[in-house]
Every structure is written in C-alpha cells, then in structure tokens.
Protein backbone atom coordinates (compact mmCIF):
# COMPACT_ATOMS: atom_id res chain seq x y z
CA MET A 1 -1.06 -17.82 4.08
CA SER A 2 -3.00 -16.11 1.31
CA THR A 3 -3.18 -12.91 3.35
CA HIS A 4 0.60 -12.86 3.60
CA ALA A 5 0.88 -13.46 -0.13
CA ALA A 6 -1.54 -10.58 -0.77
CA ALA A 7 0.47 -8.34 1.57
CA LEU A 8 3.68 -9.18 -0.29
CA GLY A 9 1.94 -8.52 -3.61
CA ILE A 10 0.72 -5.11 -2.46
CA ALA A 11 4.20 -4.24 -1.20
CA ALA A 12 5.76 -5.35 -4.49
CA LEU A 13 3.29 -3.26 -6.49
CA ALA A 14 3.96 -0.22 -4.30
CA TYR A 15 7.71 -0.69 -4.71
CA ARG A 16 7.41 -1.05 -8.47
CA PHE A 17 5.17 2.02 -8.74
CA ALA A 18 7.61 4.02 -6.61
CA ARG A 19 10.57 2.99 -8.79
CA ILE A 20 8.77 3.77 -12.05
CA TYR A 21 7.51 7.20 -10.98
CA ALA A 22 10.50 8.21 -8.85
CA SER A 23 11.46 11.10 -11.13
CA ASP A 24 7.92 12.19 -12.07
CA THR A 25 7.43 15.91 -11.42
CA ARG A 26 3.66 15.55 -11.05
CA LEU A 27 4.17 13.88 -7.70
CA THR A 28 4.95 16.85 -5.48
CA PHE A 29 6.31 14.95 -2.49
CA GLY A 30 7.78 12.06 -4.47
CA THR A 31 6.94 8.40 -4.07
CA GLY A 32 8.39 7.87 -0.60
CA LYS A 33 4.98 7.54 1.03
CA LEU A 34 3.82 4.67 -1.17
CA GLY A 35 5.54 2.08 1.00
CA GLU A 36 3.87 3.42 4.11
CA LEU A 37 0.51 3.51 2.35
CA ALA A 38 0.96 -0.15 1.31
CA GLU A 39 1.91 -1.10 4.86
CA PHE A 40 -1.10 0.72 6.26
CA SER A 41 -3.50 -0.97 3.83
CA ASN A 42 -1.97 -4.37 4.68
CA ALA A 43 -2.42 -3.67 8.40
CA ILE A 44 -6.06 -2.69 7.88
CA MET A 45 -6.69 -5.84 5.81
CA LEU A 46 -5.07 -8.12 8.42
CA ALA A 47 -6.94 -6.38 11.25
CA MET A 48 -10.26 -6.93 9.49
CA ILE A 49 -9.46 -10.61 9.02
CA ALA A 50 -8.43 -10.90 12.69
CA LEU A 51 -11.71 -9.28 13.78
CA PHE A 52 -13.67 -11.68 11.58
CA ILE A 53 -11.84 -14.67 13.07
CA GLY A 54 -12.54 -13.34 16.57
CA TYR A 55 -16.22 -12.90 15.74
CA GLU A 56 -16.47 -16.43 14.35
CA SER A 57 -14.75 -17.94 17.40
CA ALA A 58 -16.97 -16.00 19.83
CA THR A 59 -20.06 -17.10 17.90
CA ARG A 60 -18.99 -20.73 18.05
CA LEU A 61 -18.27 -20.48 21.77
CA LEU A 62 -21.66 -18.93 22.52
CA TYR A 63 -23.67 -21.15 20.17
CA PRO A 64 -21.87 -24.49 19.82
CA ARG A 65 -22.94 -26.96 17.20
CA ASN A 66 -23.55 -30.59 17.98
CA TYR A 67 -21.71 -32.85 15.61
CA ARG A 68 -22.36 -36.55 15.42
CA LEU A 69 -19.48 -38.25 13.69
CA ARG A 70 -20.23 -41.41 11.82
CA THR A 71 -17.56 -43.99 12.21
CA GLY A 72 -17.63 -47.72 11.92
CA TYR A 73 -18.71 -47.96 15.53
CA SER A 74 -22.13 -47.45 17.01
CA TYR A 75 -22.91 -44.28 18.87
CA CYS A 76 -23.14 -46.20 22.15
CA ASP A 77 -19.55 -47.31 22.33
CA ASP A 78 -18.88 -44.43 24.67
CA TRP A 79 -19.11 -45.41 28.36
CA ARG A 80 -21.17 -42.32 29.22
CA CYS A 81 -24.17 -43.28 27.12
CA ARG A 82 -24.31 -47.05 27.64
CA GLN A 83 -27.18 -46.72 30.12
CA SER A 84 -29.22 -44.23 28.10
CA PRO A 85 -32.53 -45.37 26.57
CA GLN A 86 -31.38 -44.42 23.07
CA CYS A 87 -28.32 -46.62 23.41
CA MET A 88 -30.34 -49.52 24.68
CA ALA A 89 -32.80 -49.19 21.80
CA SER A 90 -30.07 -48.97 19.17
CA SER A 91 -28.18 -51.96 20.60
CA ARG A 92 -31.25 -54.17 20.28
CA GLN A 93 -31.51 -53.57 16.54
C-alpha cells in the first residue's frame, strides 16, 4: 500500500512540475517527458520491491524456520507426537 502511495506521490510531483514549467524556454523539449520519467521510476521501484519479495520467499522455502507456538495447551496435544519420548517426559511433569 505504501508503494502505491509513493507512486501516486511521484506522479503528482511530476504533474505539478510539468504544469509549473510548461512555458519555460530553458526546457528545450518541454515537460511532456516528465510523466514518462515518473512512470519509469515507479516501475523500477516496484520491480525492485518484487525482486526483494521473491528473494525473501525463496530464502524461506530453502531454509525454513521452526516455530514453536506457545498456547495454553501442551506441545503434546498433537496426535503425531503423543508417542515421542519428549512428549512422554513432559506429560509426567
């Protein structure tokens, strides 16, 4: 959501700059390319974020983390670990 807000902000700044300097003679080709430049920079920014998200997801798939959630229940409430030695030891306590 923040990337879309940043993209809209960049587009608004480009539009404002183009409107202010529309009749400036120093700009040889006018301000018509500012919108395209803003769109290109937004596309580069979103592509970099997409690549980062892809890298993070690939890293988490290749090297998963083991999470042990603490709830009000013991860890041995799951049927798969009822016969494990750790479950038996923790149920005796």
